[in-house]
N, C-alpha and C. Protein backbone atom coordinates (compact mmCIF):
# COMPACT_ATOMS: atom_id res chain seq x y z
N MET A 1 0.89 139.78 3.12
CA MET A 1 0.86 141.15 3.56
C MET A 1 1.84 141.96 2.71
N THR A 2 1.37 143.12 2.29
CA THR A 2 2.20 144.01 1.49
C THR A 2 2.05 145.43 1.99
N ILE A 3 3.15 146.13 2.07
CA ILE A 3 3.13 147.55 2.40
C ILE A 3 3.36 148.32 1.11
N LEU A 4 2.40 149.18 0.76
CA LEU A 4 2.51 150.00 -0.43
C LEU A 4 3.02 151.38 -0.03
N VAL A 5 3.87 151.95 -0.87
CA VAL A 5 4.43 153.27 -0.62
C VAL A 5 3.83 154.23 -1.64
N ASN A 6 3.08 155.20 -1.15
CA ASN A 6 2.39 156.18 -2.00
C ASN A 6 3.12 157.52 -2.04
N LEU A 7 4.43 157.47 -1.98
CA LEU A 7 5.22 158.69 -1.91
C LEU A 7 5.11 159.52 -3.19
N ASP A 8 5.10 158.89 -4.34
CA ASP A 8 4.97 159.63 -5.60
C ASP A 8 3.68 160.44 -5.63
N LYS A 9 2.61 159.83 -5.16
CA LYS A 9 1.30 160.51 -5.14
C LYS A 9 1.35 161.75 -4.25
N VAL A 10 1.92 161.62 -3.06
CA VAL A 10 2.00 162.73 -2.13
C VAL A 10 2.94 163.81 -2.66
N LEU A 11 4.05 163.41 -3.25
CA LEU A 11 4.97 164.39 -3.85
C LEU A 11 4.26 165.21 -4.93
N LYS A 12 3.51 164.53 -5.77
CA LYS A 12 2.79 165.21 -6.86
C LYS A 12 1.77 166.20 -6.28
N GLU A 13 1.04 165.77 -5.26
CA GLU A 13 0.04 166.63 -4.62
C GLU A 13 0.69 167.88 -4.02
N ARG A 14 1.93 167.74 -3.53
CA ARG A 14 2.62 168.85 -2.88
C ARG A 14 3.46 169.67 -3.86
N GLY A 15 3.59 169.19 -5.09
CA GLY A 15 4.37 169.90 -6.10
C GLY A 15 5.86 169.86 -5.85
N LEU A 16 6.34 168.77 -5.26
CA LEU A 16 7.77 168.60 -4.98
C LEU A 16 8.36 167.48 -5.83
N THR A 17 9.65 167.59 -6.09
CA THR A 17 10.35 166.52 -6.79
C THR A 17 11.02 165.61 -5.77
N SER A 18 11.38 164.44 -6.21
CA SER A 18 12.10 163.50 -5.35
C SER A 18 13.44 164.09 -4.92
N THR A 19 14.09 164.77 -5.84
CA THR A 19 15.39 165.37 -5.53
C THR A 19 15.26 166.41 -4.42
N GLU A 20 14.23 167.25 -4.51
CA GLU A 20 14.01 168.27 -3.49
C GLU A 20 13.69 167.64 -2.14
N LEU A 21 12.86 166.60 -2.14
CA LEU A 21 12.52 165.91 -0.90
C LEU A 21 13.77 165.29 -0.27
N ALA A 22 14.56 164.60 -1.07
CA ALA A 22 15.77 163.97 -0.56
C ALA A 22 16.70 165.00 0.07
N LYS A 23 16.84 166.14 -0.60
CA LYS A 23 17.70 167.21 -0.09
C LYS A 23 17.19 167.74 1.25
N ARG A 24 15.88 168.00 1.33
CA ARG A 24 15.30 168.56 2.56
C ARG A 24 15.33 167.56 3.72
N VAL A 25 15.18 166.27 3.40
CA VAL A 25 15.16 165.24 4.44
C VAL A 25 16.58 164.87 4.86
N GLY A 26 17.53 165.00 3.95
CA GLY A 26 18.91 164.65 4.26
C GLY A 26 19.25 163.20 3.96
N ILE A 27 18.62 162.66 2.92
CA ILE A 27 18.94 161.31 2.46
C ILE A 27 19.35 161.38 0.99
N THR A 28 19.96 160.31 0.51
CA THR A 28 20.39 160.31 -0.88
C THR A 28 19.20 160.04 -1.80
N ASN A 29 19.34 160.48 -3.04
CA ASN A 29 18.31 160.18 -4.05
C ASN A 29 18.15 158.67 -4.21
N ALA A 30 19.26 157.94 -4.13
CA ALA A 30 19.21 156.49 -4.28
C ALA A 30 18.37 155.85 -3.18
N ASN A 31 18.56 156.29 -1.93
CA ASN A 31 17.79 155.73 -0.83
C ASN A 31 16.31 156.10 -0.93
N LEU A 32 16.03 157.32 -1.37
CA LEU A 32 14.64 157.73 -1.55
C LEU A 32 14.00 156.90 -2.66
N SER A 33 14.74 156.63 -3.72
CA SER A 33 14.23 155.81 -4.81
C SER A 33 13.90 154.40 -4.34
N ILE A 34 14.75 153.83 -3.50
CA ILE A 34 14.50 152.50 -2.95
C ILE A 34 13.21 152.50 -2.13
N LEU A 35 13.00 153.55 -1.37
CA LEU A 35 11.77 153.67 -0.59
C LEU A 35 10.56 153.82 -1.50
N LYS A 36 10.66 154.70 -2.49
CA LYS A 36 9.53 154.96 -3.40
C LYS A 36 9.10 153.73 -4.18
N THR A 37 10.04 152.89 -4.55
CA THR A 37 9.72 151.71 -5.35
C THR A 37 9.24 150.54 -4.51
N GLY A 38 9.24 150.71 -3.18
CA GLY A 38 8.78 149.64 -2.31
C GLY A 38 9.82 148.56 -2.07
N LYS A 39 11.06 148.83 -2.45
CA LYS A 39 12.12 147.83 -2.28
C LYS A 39 12.82 147.93 -0.92
N ALA A 40 12.49 148.97 -0.16
CA ALA A 40 13.11 149.14 1.16
C ALA A 40 12.57 148.07 2.10
N ARG A 41 13.44 147.53 2.92
CA ARG A 41 13.03 146.52 3.90
C ARG A 41 12.71 147.15 5.24
N ALA A 42 13.11 148.41 5.40
CA ALA A 42 12.88 149.11 6.66
C ALA A 42 13.00 150.61 6.40
N ILE A 43 12.46 151.38 7.33
CA ILE A 43 12.64 152.84 7.30
C ILE A 43 12.80 153.30 8.75
N ARG A 44 13.74 154.16 8.98
CA ARG A 44 13.94 154.70 10.32
C ARG A 44 12.80 155.66 10.65
N PHE A 45 12.38 155.64 11.89
CA PHE A 45 11.34 156.56 12.31
C PHE A 45 11.78 158.01 12.12
N THR A 46 13.05 158.28 12.31
CA THR A 46 13.54 159.65 12.14
C THR A 46 13.41 160.09 10.68
N THR A 47 13.65 159.17 9.76
CA THR A 47 13.49 159.48 8.34
C THR A 47 12.03 159.67 7.99
N LEU A 48 11.17 158.78 8.48
CA LEU A 48 9.74 158.91 8.24
C LEU A 48 9.22 160.21 8.82
N ASP A 49 9.68 160.57 10.01
CA ASP A 49 9.28 161.81 10.66
C ASP A 49 9.69 163.01 9.81
N ALA A 50 10.91 162.99 9.29
CA ALA A 50 11.41 164.10 8.47
C ALA A 50 10.62 164.21 7.17
N ILE A 51 10.30 163.08 6.55
CA ILE A 51 9.50 163.09 5.32
C ILE A 51 8.12 163.68 5.60
N CYS A 52 7.51 163.26 6.69
CA CYS A 52 6.19 163.77 7.05
C CYS A 52 6.24 165.27 7.37
N ASP A 53 7.31 165.73 8.01
CA ASP A 53 7.46 167.16 8.28
C ASP A 53 7.53 167.96 6.99
N VAL A 54 8.37 167.50 6.06
CA VAL A 54 8.55 168.22 4.80
C VAL A 54 7.27 168.21 3.97
N LEU A 55 6.59 167.08 3.94
CA LEU A 55 5.38 166.95 3.11
C LEU A 55 4.11 167.36 3.85
N ASN A 56 4.25 167.71 5.13
CA ASN A 56 3.09 168.09 5.93
C ASN A 56 1.99 167.03 5.83
N CYS A 57 2.37 165.80 6.18
CA CYS A 57 1.42 164.68 6.07
C CYS A 57 1.60 163.73 7.24
N GLN A 58 0.79 162.71 7.28
CA GLN A 58 0.86 161.65 8.28
C GLN A 58 1.50 160.42 7.65
N PRO A 59 2.11 159.54 8.45
CA PRO A 59 2.69 158.31 7.89
C PRO A 59 1.69 157.51 7.05
N GLY A 60 0.43 157.50 7.46
CA GLY A 60 -0.59 156.77 6.72
C GLY A 60 -0.89 157.35 5.35
N ASP A 61 -0.47 158.60 5.11
CA ASP A 61 -0.62 159.18 3.77
C ASP A 61 0.42 158.60 2.81
N ILE A 62 1.52 158.13 3.37
CA ILE A 62 2.63 157.61 2.57
C ILE A 62 2.61 156.09 2.50
N LEU A 63 2.31 155.44 3.63
CA LEU A 63 2.35 153.99 3.72
C LEU A 63 0.95 153.42 3.82
N GLU A 64 0.72 152.34 3.10
CA GLU A 64 -0.58 151.68 3.09
C GLU A 64 -0.39 150.18 3.22
N HIS A 65 -1.18 149.57 4.06
CA HIS A 65 -1.12 148.12 4.25
C HIS A 65 -2.15 147.45 3.35
N GLU A 66 -1.69 146.53 2.55
CA GLU A 66 -2.57 145.76 1.67
C GLU A 66 -2.56 144.33 2.20
N GLY A 67 -3.61 143.94 2.88
CA GLY A 67 -3.68 142.63 3.49
C GLY A 67 -4.15 141.56 2.52
N GLU A 68 -4.03 140.34 2.97
CA GLU A 68 -4.52 139.21 2.20
C GLU A 68 -5.86 138.78 2.75
N ASP A 69 -6.71 138.29 1.89
CA ASP A 69 -7.98 137.75 2.35
C ASP A 69 -7.75 136.38 2.96
N HIS A 70 -8.29 136.18 4.16
CA HIS A 70 -8.16 134.90 4.84
C HIS A 70 -9.54 134.33 5.10
N ASP A 71 -9.69 133.07 4.87
CA ASP A 71 -10.95 132.38 5.20
C ASP A 71 -10.75 131.67 6.52
N ASP A 72 -11.11 132.33 7.61
CA ASP A 72 -10.94 131.74 8.94
C ASP A 72 -12.19 131.05 9.39
């Protein structure tokens, strides 16, 4: 199971930079970079909520689940 982060795509669609998003959300550029690269092990709901508010999107626009094929 893999969670993909499509934040760069949404930022581009909205015409925002990572720096502007980090400033509006109230997180550091370093923490936003960790999230964007998929290296984050967790995200607070309050942070996700703030990102969605700023980008006017749903969590599913940012996060995507990539499952594994199973032969059951």
